[in-house]
Amino acid sequence: MEITMVLNAIKGDEAAFEFLIKQESNKMYRTAFLYVRNKDDALDIVQETVLKAYHSIHHLKKPEYFSTWLMKILIRTAFRTLEQQKKWKVLDNETLENLLEQKIPEVTQNIDLVDALSNLDVKYQTAIILFYYHDLPIHKISVMMDKPEGTVKTYLRRAKMELKKILEGESHYEQRLV
């Protein structure tokens, strides 16, 4: 992503903004989908994120952080959507098909992990998604989540411990069924 494109978008260049959004669209959709587990809701979140970003891009102070800024808007929009729904979606056939279509290697190799991820507290889930699915460094996650780096590291550590418990619990349960 070129800084000049971001600067042009900040100045009101709609073509530059559209170009930037197209570059980020796949990442935005995958992230939204990991939160809501539903194609339509994920698309709604992406659309709302783009609209919010378009109306507030002139507030972006550091053009080099456009991607981080956009993802922060998306995460907050996803949180609001989840709060409005007051529930987490279960992993159903539509969700499974969408995950397989997206060809996210970590997800397609271990659907149990995605299901376990949905059982985590939202702050832990966000840290895991940004760190492992988007390969973002701790300092960028810290900015996106408005939390100190130490707190993000704690979220990651606790999330991994909870995931391990959940996944081991499922495997113990499955072994008893066999």
N, C-alpha and C. Protein backbone atom coordinates (compact mmCIF):
# COMPACT_ATOMS: atom_id res chain seq x y z
N MET A 1 0.85 -1.18 0.00
CA MET A 1 0.00 0.00 0.00
C MET A 1 0.89 1.24 0.00
N GLU A 2 0.61 2.10 -0.90
CA GLU A 2 1.40 3.31 -1.01
C GLU A 2 0.85 4.42 -0.12
N ILE A 3 1.74 5.08 0.55
CA ILE A 3 1.36 6.19 1.42
C ILE A 3 0.69 7.29 0.60
N THR A 4 1.14 7.47 -0.64
CA THR A 4 0.55 8.52 -1.47
C THR A 4 -0.93 8.25 -1.75
N MET A 5 -1.29 6.97 -1.89
CA MET A 5 -2.71 6.63 -2.10
C MET A 5 -3.53 7.00 -0.87
N VAL A 6 -2.97 6.73 0.30
CA VAL A 6 -3.66 7.07 1.55
C VAL A 6 -3.80 8.59 1.65
N LEU A 7 -2.73 9.30 1.35
CA LEU A 7 -2.78 10.76 1.41
C LEU A 7 -3.82 11.31 0.43
N ASN A 8 -3.89 10.72 -0.75
CA ASN A 8 -4.90 11.14 -1.73
C ASN A 8 -6.31 10.85 -1.23
N ALA A 9 -6.48 9.69 -0.61
CA ALA A 9 -7.80 9.35 -0.06
C ALA A 9 -8.20 10.32 1.04
N ILE A 10 -7.25 10.70 1.87
CA ILE A 10 -7.51 11.66 2.95
C ILE A 10 -7.96 13.00 2.36
N LYS A 11 -7.37 13.36 1.21
CA LYS A 11 -7.73 14.62 0.55
C LYS A 11 -9.06 14.54 -0.20
N GLY A 12 -9.67 13.36 -0.22
CA GLY A 12 -10.98 13.24 -0.85
C GLY A 12 -11.01 12.49 -2.17
N ASP A 13 -9.90 11.91 -2.57
CA ASP A 13 -9.84 11.15 -3.82
C ASP A 13 -10.56 9.81 -3.64
N GLU A 14 -11.76 9.71 -4.22
CA GLU A 14 -12.58 8.50 -4.06
C GLU A 14 -11.94 7.28 -4.71
N ALA A 15 -11.28 7.45 -5.84
CA ALA A 15 -10.63 6.34 -6.53
C ALA A 15 -9.50 5.77 -5.66
N ALA A 16 -8.76 6.64 -5.00
CA ALA A 16 -7.68 6.19 -4.12
C ALA A 16 -8.26 5.41 -2.93
N PHE A 17 -9.35 5.92 -2.37
CA PHE A 17 -9.99 5.23 -1.25
C PHE A 17 -10.49 3.86 -1.70
N GLU A 18 -11.11 3.80 -2.86
CA GLU A 18 -11.62 2.53 -3.38
C GLU A 18 -10.47 1.54 -3.59
N PHE A 19 -9.37 2.00 -4.13
CA PHE A 19 -8.19 1.16 -4.33
C PHE A 19 -7.71 0.58 -3.00
N LEU A 20 -7.62 1.42 -1.98
CA LEU A 20 -7.17 0.97 -0.67
C LEU A 20 -8.12 -0.06 -0.07
N ILE A 21 -9.40 0.17 -0.22
CA ILE A 21 -10.40 -0.76 0.32
C ILE A 21 -10.30 -2.10 -0.40
N LYS A 22 -10.12 -2.07 -1.71
CA LYS A 22 -9.99 -3.32 -2.46
C LYS A 22 -8.78 -4.11 -1.98
N GLN A 23 -7.71 -3.43 -1.65
CA GLN A 23 -6.51 -4.11 -1.14
C GLN A 23 -6.78 -4.80 0.20
N GLU A 24 -7.63 -4.21 1.01
CA GLU A 24 -7.88 -4.71 2.37
C GLU A 24 -9.12 -5.59 2.46
N SER A 25 -9.92 -5.67 1.41
CA SER A 25 -11.24 -6.30 1.50
C SER A 25 -11.21 -7.77 1.91
N ASN A 26 -10.30 -8.55 1.39
CA ASN A 26 -10.25 -9.97 1.74
C ASN A 26 -9.93 -10.16 3.22
N LYS A 27 -8.95 -9.40 3.71
CA LYS A 27 -8.58 -9.48 5.12
C LYS A 27 -9.74 -9.02 6.01
N MET A 28 -10.43 -7.98 5.58
CA MET A 28 -11.57 -7.48 6.36
C MET A 28 -12.67 -8.53 6.44
N TYR A 29 -13.00 -9.15 5.31
CA TYR A 29 -14.07 -10.15 5.29
C TYR A 29 -13.70 -11.34 6.18
N ARG A 30 -12.48 -11.85 6.04
CA ARG A 30 -12.08 -13.01 6.84
C ARG A 30 -12.14 -12.70 8.33
N THR A 31 -11.71 -11.52 8.71
CA THR A 31 -11.74 -11.14 10.13
C THR A 31 -13.18 -11.03 10.62
N ALA A 32 -14.02 -10.35 9.87
CA ALA A 32 -15.43 -10.22 10.26
C ALA A 32 -16.08 -11.60 10.36
N PHE A 33 -15.78 -12.46 9.41
CA PHE A 33 -16.37 -13.80 9.42
C PHE A 33 -15.94 -14.60 10.64
N LEU A 34 -14.70 -14.45 11.07
CA LEU A 34 -14.23 -15.16 12.26
C LEU A 34 -15.00 -14.73 13.51
N TYR A 35 -15.46 -13.49 13.51
CA TYR A 35 -16.25 -13.02 14.65
C TYR A 35 -17.70 -13.50 14.60
N VAL A 36 -18.36 -13.34 13.46
CA VAL A 36 -19.81 -13.58 13.42
C VAL A 36 -20.21 -14.92 12.84
N ARG A 37 -19.31 -15.61 12.16
CA ARG A 37 -19.55 -16.94 11.62
C ARG A 37 -20.74 -17.01 10.66
N ASN A 38 -20.96 -15.92 9.95
CA ASN A 38 -22.09 -15.85 9.04
C ASN A 38 -21.73 -14.93 7.89
N LYS A 39 -21.93 -15.41 6.67
CA LYS A 39 -21.53 -14.66 5.48
C LYS A 39 -22.22 -13.29 5.40
N ASP A 40 -23.53 -13.29 5.60
CA ASP A 40 -24.29 -12.03 5.48
C ASP A 40 -23.89 -11.02 6.54
N ASP A 41 -23.75 -11.48 7.78
CA ASP A 41 -23.34 -10.57 8.85
C ASP A 41 -21.93 -10.05 8.61
N ALA A 42 -21.04 -10.92 8.13
CA ALA A 42 -19.67 -10.50 7.85
C ALA A 42 -19.65 -9.43 6.77
N LEU A 43 -20.44 -9.64 5.73
CA LEU A 43 -20.51 -8.64 4.65
C LEU A 43 -21.09 -7.33 5.15
N ASP A 44 -22.09 -7.41 6.04
CA ASP A 44 -22.66 -6.19 6.63
C ASP A 44 -21.61 -5.43 7.44
N ILE A 45 -20.81 -6.17 8.20
CA ILE A 45 -19.77 -5.54 9.01
C ILE A 45 -18.73 -4.86 8.11
N VAL A 46 -18.34 -5.54 7.04
CA VAL A 46 -17.37 -4.95 6.11
C VAL A 46 -17.95 -3.68 5.49
N GLN A 47 -19.20 -3.76 5.06
CA GLN A 47 -19.84 -2.60 4.44
C GLN A 47 -19.93 -1.43 5.42
N GLU A 48 -20.33 -1.71 6.64
CA GLU A 48 -20.42 -0.64 7.64
C GLU A 48 -19.04 -0.07 7.96
N THR A 49 -18.03 -0.92 8.00
CA THR A 49 -16.66 -0.48 8.24
C THR A 49 -16.19 0.46 7.14
N VAL A 50 -16.45 0.09 5.89
CA VAL A 50 -16.04 0.92 4.76
C VAL A 50 -16.74 2.28 4.82
N LEU A 51 -18.01 2.27 5.14
CA LEU A 51 -18.77 3.52 5.24
C LEU A 51 -18.20 4.42 6.34
N LYS A 52 -17.94 3.82 7.51
CA LYS A 52 -17.37 4.60 8.62
C LYS A 52 -15.99 5.14 8.26
N ALA A 53 -15.19 4.30 7.60
CA ALA A 53 -13.84 4.74 7.21
C ALA A 53 -13.91 5.87 6.20
N TYR A 54 -14.82 5.76 5.24
CA TYR A 54 -14.97 6.80 4.22
C TYR A 54 -15.32 8.14 4.85
N HIS A 55 -16.24 8.11 5.81
CA HIS A 55 -16.67 9.36 6.45
C HIS A 55 -15.65 9.94 7.43
N SER A 56 -14.73 9.10 7.90
CA SER A 56 -13.80 9.61 8.90
C SER A 56 -12.33 9.55 8.49
N ILE A 57 -12.06 9.27 7.23
CA ILE A 57 -10.66 9.15 6.79
C ILE A 57 -9.87 10.44 7.00
N HIS A 58 -10.54 11.56 6.95
CA HIS A 58 -9.82 12.83 7.17
C HIS A 58 -9.29 12.95 8.61
N HIS A 59 -9.74 12.07 9.51
CA HIS A 59 -9.24 12.06 10.89
C HIS A 59 -7.97 11.22 11.03
N LEU A 60 -7.63 10.45 10.01
CA LEU A 60 -6.44 9.59 10.07
C LEU A 60 -5.19 10.47 10.11
N LYS A 61 -4.46 10.37 11.21
CA LYS A 61 -3.31 11.25 11.39
C LYS A 61 -2.02 10.65 10.82
N LYS A 62 -1.90 9.34 10.82
CA LYS A 62 -0.68 8.69 10.33
C LYS A 62 -1.06 7.77 9.16
N PRO A 63 -0.85 8.22 7.94
CA PRO A 63 -1.23 7.43 6.76
C PRO A 63 -0.60 6.04 6.71
N GLU A 64 0.57 5.88 7.29
CA GLU A 64 1.23 4.57 7.26
C GLU A 64 0.47 3.52 8.09
N TYR A 65 -0.46 3.97 8.93
CA TYR A 65 -1.26 3.06 9.74
C TYR A 65 -2.68 2.88 9.20
N PHE A 66 -2.87 3.14 7.93
CA PHE A 66 -4.21 3.01 7.34
C PHE A 66 -4.81 1.63 7.60
N SER A 67 -4.05 0.59 7.33
CA SER A 67 -4.54 -0.78 7.50
C SER A 67 -4.91 -1.05 8.96
N THR A 68 -4.08 -0.63 9.87
CA THR A 68 -4.35 -0.79 11.30
C THR A 68 -5.59 -0.02 11.71
N TRP A 69 -5.71 1.19 11.24
CA TRP A 69 -6.86 2.05 11.54
C TRP A 69 -8.14 1.41 11.01
N LEU A 70 -8.10 0.90 9.81
CA LEU A 70 -9.27 0.26 9.20
C LEU A 70 -9.68 -0.99 9.97
N MET A 71 -8.70 -1.80 10.36
CA MET A 71 -9.00 -3.02 11.10
C MET A 71 -9.58 -2.70 12.47
N LYS A 72 -9.13 -1.62 13.06
CA LYS A 72 -9.66 -1.19 14.36
C LYS A 72 -11.14 -0.83 14.22
N ILE A 73 -11.49 -0.15 13.16
CA ILE A 73 -12.89 0.19 12.91
C ILE A 73 -13.70 -1.10 12.72
N LEU A 74 -13.16 -2.04 11.96
CA LEU A 74 -13.85 -3.29 11.71
C LEU A 74 -14.09 -4.07 13.01
N ILE A 75 -13.08 -4.15 13.84
CA ILE A 75 -13.22 -4.89 15.10
C ILE A 75 -14.29 -4.26 15.98
N ARG A 76 -14.29 -2.96 16.08
CA ARG A 76 -15.31 -2.28 16.89
C ARG A 76 -16.71 -2.50 16.31
N THR A 77 -16.80 -2.50 14.99
CA THR A 77 -18.09 -2.74 14.33
C THR A 77 -18.54 -4.17 14.59
N ALA A 78 -17.62 -5.12 14.53
CA ALA A 78 -17.95 -6.52 14.82
C ALA A 78 -18.42 -6.68 16.26
N PHE A 79 -17.74 -6.01 17.19
CA PHE A 79 -18.14 -6.06 18.60
C PHE A 79 -19.58 -5.55 18.77
N ARG A 80 -19.87 -4.42 18.13
CA ARG A 80 -21.23 -3.86 18.24
C ARG A 80 -22.27 -4.83 17.67
N THR A 81 -21.94 -5.45 16.58
CA THR A 81 -22.86 -6.42 15.97
C THR A 81 -23.10 -7.58 16.93
N LEU A 82 -22.04 -8.08 17.53
CA LEU A 82 -22.18 -9.20 18.47
C LEU A 82 -22.97 -8.78 19.71
N GLU A 83 -22.74 -7.58 20.18
CA GLU A 83 -23.49 -7.09 21.34
C GLU A 83 -24.98 -6.98 21.01
N GLN A 84 -25.28 -6.54 19.80
CA GLN A 84 -26.68 -6.42 19.39
C GLN A 84 -27.34 -7.79 19.27
N GLN A 85 -26.59 -8.76 18.79
CA GLN A 85 -27.14 -10.10 18.64
C GLN A 85 -27.21 -10.82 19.99
N LYS A 86 -26.34 -10.43 20.92
CA LYS A 86 -26.27 -11.02 22.26
C LYS A 86 -26.07 -12.53 22.24
N LYS A 87 -25.43 -13.00 21.18
CA LYS A 87 -25.14 -14.43 21.13
C LYS A 87 -24.04 -14.68 20.12
N TRP A 88 -23.40 -15.79 20.27
CA TRP A 88 -22.40 -16.25 19.31
C TRP A 88 -23.07 -17.26 18.41
N LYS A 89 -22.73 -17.22 17.16
CA LYS A 89 -23.26 -18.18 16.21
C LYS A 89 -22.54 -19.52 16.41
N VAL A 90 -23.30 -20.62 16.28
CA VAL A 90 -22.68 -21.93 16.33
C VAL A 90 -22.13 -22.27 14.95
N LEU A 91 -21.21 -23.19 14.91
CA LEU A 91 -20.61 -23.59 13.65
C LEU A 91 -21.59 -24.49 12.91
N ASP A 92 -22.25 -23.94 11.89
CA ASP A 92 -23.23 -24.71 11.12
C ASP A 92 -22.68 -25.02 9.74
N ASN A 93 -23.49 -25.65 8.89
CA ASN A 93 -23.03 -26.04 7.56
C ASN A 93 -22.62 -24.84 6.72
N GLU A 94 -23.38 -23.75 6.78
CA GLU A 94 -23.04 -22.56 5.99
C GLU A 94 -21.67 -22.03 6.41
N THR A 95 -21.45 -21.98 7.72
CA THR A 95 -20.18 -21.50 8.23
C THR A 95 -19.03 -22.39 7.76
N LEU A 96 -19.22 -23.68 7.87
CA LEU A 96 -18.19 -24.61 7.45
C LEU A 96 -17.86 -24.44 5.97
N GLU A 97 -18.89 -24.32 5.13
CA GLU A 97 -18.68 -24.13 3.70
C GLU A 97 -17.93 -22.83 3.42
N ASN A 98 -18.30 -21.75 4.11
CA ASN A 98 -17.63 -20.47 3.91
C ASN A 98 -16.17 -20.54 4.33
N LEU A 99 -15.90 -21.20 5.43
CA LEU A 99 -14.51 -21.33 5.87
C LEU A 99 -13.69 -22.11 4.85
N LEU A 100 -14.26 -23.15 4.32
CA LEU A 100 -13.54 -23.94 3.33
C LEU A 100 -13.34 -23.16 2.04
N GLU A 101 -14.35 -22.36 1.65
CA GLU A 101 -14.23 -21.53 0.45
C GLU A 101 -13.12 -20.50 0.60
N GLN A 102 -12.96 -19.95 1.78
CA GLN A 102 -11.96 -18.90 2.02
C GLN A 102 -10.54 -19.46 1.99
N LYS A 103 -10.41 -20.77 2.16
CA LYS A 103 -9.10 -21.44 2.12
C LYS A 103 -8.12 -20.81 3.11
N ILE A 104 -8.59 -20.53 4.30
CA ILE A 104 -7.70 -20.05 5.35
C ILE A 104 -7.01 -21.30 5.89
N PRO A 105 -5.71 -21.46 5.67
CA PRO A 105 -5.04 -22.71 6.01
C PRO A 105 -5.26 -23.16 7.45
N GLU A 106 -5.09 -22.24 8.41
CA GLU A 106 -5.24 -22.64 9.80
C GLU A 106 -6.67 -23.12 10.09
N VAL A 107 -7.65 -22.51 9.45
CA VAL A 107 -9.04 -22.85 9.71
C VAL A 107 -9.41 -24.15 9.04
N THR A 108 -9.03 -24.31 7.79
CA THR A 108 -9.42 -25.51 7.07
C THR A 108 -8.73 -26.74 7.63
N GLN A 109 -7.58 -26.57 8.22
CA GLN A 109 -6.88 -27.71 8.79
C GLN A 109 -7.44 -28.10 10.15
N ASN A 110 -8.07 -27.19 10.83
CA ASN A 110 -8.55 -27.52 12.16
C ASN A 110 -9.82 -26.75 12.50
N ILE A 111 -10.95 -27.25 12.05
CA ILE A 111 -12.23 -26.59 12.31
C ILE A 111 -12.52 -26.55 13.81
N ASP A 112 -12.04 -27.54 14.55
CA ASP A 112 -12.24 -27.56 16.01
C ASP A 112 -11.66 -26.31 16.65
N LEU A 113 -10.55 -25.83 16.13
CA LEU A 113 -9.92 -24.63 16.67
C LEU A 113 -10.82 -23.41 16.49
N VAL A 114 -11.45 -23.29 15.33
CA VAL A 114 -12.35 -22.16 15.08
C VAL A 114 -13.55 -22.23 16.03
N ASP A 115 -14.06 -23.42 16.22
CA ASP A 115 -15.19 -23.59 17.13
C ASP A 115 -14.77 -23.24 18.56
N ALA A 116 -13.60 -23.69 18.96
CA ALA A 116 -13.08 -23.38 20.30
C ALA A 116 -12.85 -21.88 20.44
N LEU A 117 -12.36 -21.26 19.39
CA LEU A 117 -12.11 -19.82 19.40
C LEU A 117 -13.38 -19.05 19.72
N SER A 118 -14.51 -19.52 19.24
CA SER A 118 -15.78 -18.82 19.48
C SER A 118 -16.20 -18.89 20.94
N ASN A 119 -15.58 -19.78 21.73
CA ASN A 119 -15.91 -19.89 23.15
C ASN A 119 -15.08 -18.96 24.03
N LEU A 120 -14.11 -18.29 23.43
CA LEU A 120 -13.25 -17.39 24.19
C LEU A 120 -13.93 -16.05 24.44
N ASP A 121 -13.47 -15.38 25.46
CA ASP A 121 -13.85 -13.99 25.71
C ASP A 121 -13.45 -13.18 24.48
N VAL A 122 -14.22 -12.15 24.14
CA VAL A 122 -14.00 -11.37 22.93
C VAL A 122 -12.59 -10.77 22.88
N LYS A 123 -12.08 -10.30 24.00
CA LYS A 123 -10.74 -9.69 23.98
C LYS A 123 -9.67 -10.74 23.67
N TYR A 124 -9.83 -11.95 24.18
CA TYR A 124 -8.88 -13.02 23.87
C TYR A 124 -9.02 -13.43 22.40
N GLN A 125 -10.25 -13.50 21.96
CA GLN A 125 -10.50 -13.89 20.57
C GLN A 125 -9.85 -12.88 19.62
N THR A 126 -10.01 -11.61 19.89
CA THR A 126 -9.43 -10.57 19.06
C THR A 126 -7.92 -10.69 19.01
N ALA A 127 -7.30 -10.86 20.16
CA ALA A 127 -5.84 -10.99 20.21
C ALA A 127 -5.37 -12.18 19.37
N ILE A 128 -6.04 -13.31 19.51
CA ILE A 128 -5.66 -14.51 18.75
C ILE A 128 -5.84 -14.30 17.25
N ILE A 129 -6.96 -13.74 16.85
CA ILE A 129 -7.23 -13.52 15.42
C ILE A 129 -6.18 -12.59 14.81
N LEU A 130 -5.90 -11.49 15.48
CA LEU A 130 -4.95 -10.53 14.93
C LEU A 130 -3.52 -11.08 14.91
N PHE A 131 -3.16 -11.82 15.95
CA PHE A 131 -1.79 -12.33 16.04
C PHE A 131 -1.56 -13.53 15.13
N TYR A 132 -2.45 -14.50 15.17
CA TYR A 132 -2.22 -15.74 14.43
C TYR A 132 -2.82 -15.75 13.03
N TYR A 133 -3.97 -15.14 12.84
CA TYR A 133 -4.59 -15.17 11.52
C TYR A 133 -4.08 -14.06 10.61
N HIS A 134 -3.70 -12.94 11.22
CA HIS A 134 -3.22 -11.81 10.41
C HIS A 134 -1.73 -11.56 10.58
N ASP A 135 -1.07 -12.33 11.42
CA ASP A 135 0.37 -12.22 11.64
C ASP A 135 0.80 -10.80 12.01
N LEU A 136 -0.01 -10.13 12.81
CA LEU A 136 0.34 -8.77 13.22
C LEU A 136 1.24 -8.81 14.45
N PRO A 137 2.17 -7.87 14.53
CA PRO A 137 3.03 -7.81 15.72
C PRO A 137 2.25 -7.26 16.92
N ILE A 138 2.77 -7.55 18.09
CA ILE A 138 2.12 -7.15 19.35
C ILE A 138 1.85 -5.65 19.37
N HIS A 139 2.79 -4.82 18.92
CA HIS A 139 2.58 -3.37 19.02
C HIS A 139 1.41 -2.90 18.15
N LYS A 140 1.19 -3.53 16.99
CA LYS A 140 0.05 -3.14 16.17
C LYS A 140 -1.26 -3.60 16.80
N ILE A 141 -1.24 -4.79 17.38
CA ILE A 141 -2.45 -5.28 18.07
C ILE A 141 -2.77 -4.37 19.24
N SER A 142 -1.74 -3.93 19.92
CA SER A 142 -1.90 -3.01 21.04
C SER A 142 -2.62 -1.73 20.60
N VAL A 143 -2.23 -1.20 19.47
CA VAL A 143 -2.87 0.01 18.93
C VAL A 143 -4.32 -0.28 18.56
N MET A 144 -4.56 -1.39 17.88
CA MET A 144 -5.92 -1.73 17.45
C MET A 144 -6.86 -1.94 18.62
N MET A 145 -6.35 -2.56 19.67
CA MET A 145 -7.21 -2.88 20.81
C MET A 145 -7.22 -1.80 21.89
N ASP A 146 -6.42 -0.75 21.69
CA ASP A 146 -6.28 0.31 22.70
C ASP A 146 -5.87 -0.25 24.06
N LYS A 147 -4.91 -1.17 24.03
CA LYS A 147 -4.41 -1.80 25.25
C LYS A 147 -2.89 -1.76 25.22
N PRO A 148 -2.25 -1.72 26.40
CA PRO A 148 -0.78 -1.78 26.44
C PRO A 148 -0.28 -3.11 25.89
N GLU A 149 0.95 -3.11 25.40
CA GLU A 149 1.52 -4.34 24.82
C GLU A 149 1.53 -5.48 25.83
N GLY A 150 1.82 -5.19 27.08
CA GLY A 150 1.83 -6.22 28.12
C GLY A 150 0.46 -6.87 28.28
N THR A 151 -0.57 -6.07 28.17
CA THR A 151 -1.93 -6.60 28.28
C THR A 151 -2.24 -7.52 27.10
N VAL A 152 -1.82 -7.14 25.91
CA VAL A 152 -2.03 -7.98 24.73
C VAL A 152 -1.31 -9.31 24.90
N LYS A 153 -0.08 -9.27 25.41
CA LYS A 153 0.66 -10.51 25.64
C LYS A 153 -0.06 -11.40 26.66
N THR A 154 -0.61 -10.78 27.69
CA THR A 154 -1.38 -11.53 28.68
C THR A 154 -2.62 -12.15 28.05
N TYR A 155 -3.32 -11.38 27.20
CA TYR A 155 -4.50 -11.91 26.51
C TYR A 155 -4.12 -13.13 25.67
N LEU A 156 -3.00 -13.03 24.95
CA LEU A 156 -2.57 -14.15 24.11
C LEU A 156 -2.24 -15.38 24.96
N ARG A 157 -1.53 -15.17 26.04
CA ARG A 157 -1.16 -16.29 26.90
C ARG A 157 -2.40 -16.95 27.50
N ARG A 158 -3.31 -16.13 28.01
CA ARG A 158 -4.53 -16.68 28.62
C ARG A 158 -5.43 -17.34 27.57
N ALA A 159 -5.49 -16.75 26.38
CA ALA A 159 -6.29 -17.33 25.31
C ALA A 159 -5.76 -18.70 24.92
N LYS A 160 -4.44 -18.81 24.81
CA LYS A 160 -3.84 -20.11 24.47
C LYS A 160 -4.13 -21.15 25.55
N MET A 161 -4.06 -20.73 26.81
CA MET A 161 -4.36 -21.67 27.90
C MET A 161 -5.82 -22.13 27.84
N GLU A 162 -6.74 -21.17 27.60
CA GLU A 162 -8.15 -21.52 27.51
C GLU A 162 -8.43 -22.40 26.30
N LEU A 163 -7.81 -22.09 25.17
CA LEU A 163 -7.99 -22.92 23.97
C LEU A 163 -7.50 -24.34 24.22
N LYS A 164 -6.38 -24.44 24.90
CA LYS A 164 -5.83 -25.76 25.20
C LYS A 164 -6.81 -26.55 26.06
N LYS A 165 -7.36 -25.91 27.07
CA LYS A 165 -8.34 -26.58 27.94
C LYS A 165 -9.56 -27.02 27.14
N ILE A 166 -10.06 -26.12 26.30
CA ILE A 166 -11.25 -26.42 25.50
C ILE A 166 -10.97 -27.58 24.56
N LEU A 167 -9.86 -27.51 23.85
CA LEU A 167 -9.54 -28.55 22.86
C LEU A 167 -9.21 -29.88 23.52
N GLU A 168 -8.52 -29.85 24.66
CA GLU A 168 -8.25 -31.10 25.37
C GLU A 168 -9.53 -31.67 25.95
N GLY A 169 -10.40 -30.79 26.42
CA GLY A 169 -11.69 -31.25 26.96
C GLY A 169 -12.51 -31.94 25.89
N GLU A 170 -12.49 -31.39 24.66
CA GLU A 170 -13.24 -32.00 23.56
C GLU A 170 -12.63 -33.34 23.20
N SER A 171 -11.30 -33.44 23.18
CA SER A 171 -10.68 -34.70 22.79
C SER A 171 -10.93 -35.76 23.86
N HIS A 172 -10.92 -35.36 25.16
CA HIS A 172 -11.22 -36.32 26.22
C HIS A 172 -12.66 -36.78 26.12
N TYR A 173 -13.56 -35.85 25.80
CA TYR A 173 -14.97 -36.17 25.67
C TYR A 173 -15.17 -37.13 24.48
N GLU A 174 -14.50 -36.83 23.36
CA GLU A 174 -14.64 -37.68 22.18
C GLU A 174 -14.08 -39.07 22.46
N GLN A 175 -12.99 -39.17 23.22
CA GLN A 175 -12.41 -40.48 23.52
C GLN A 175 -13.38 -41.31 24.36
N ARG A 176 -14.10 -40.66 25.26
CA ARG A 176 -15.07 -41.38 26.09
C ARG A 176 -16.23 -41.90 25.25
N LEU A 177 -16.56 -41.18 24.18
CA LEU A 177 -17.67 -41.60 23.33
C LEU A 177 -17.32 -42.82 22.48
N VAL A 178 -16.04 -42.98 22.19
CA VAL A 178 -15.61 -44.07 21.30
C VAL A 178 -15.56 -45.39 22.00
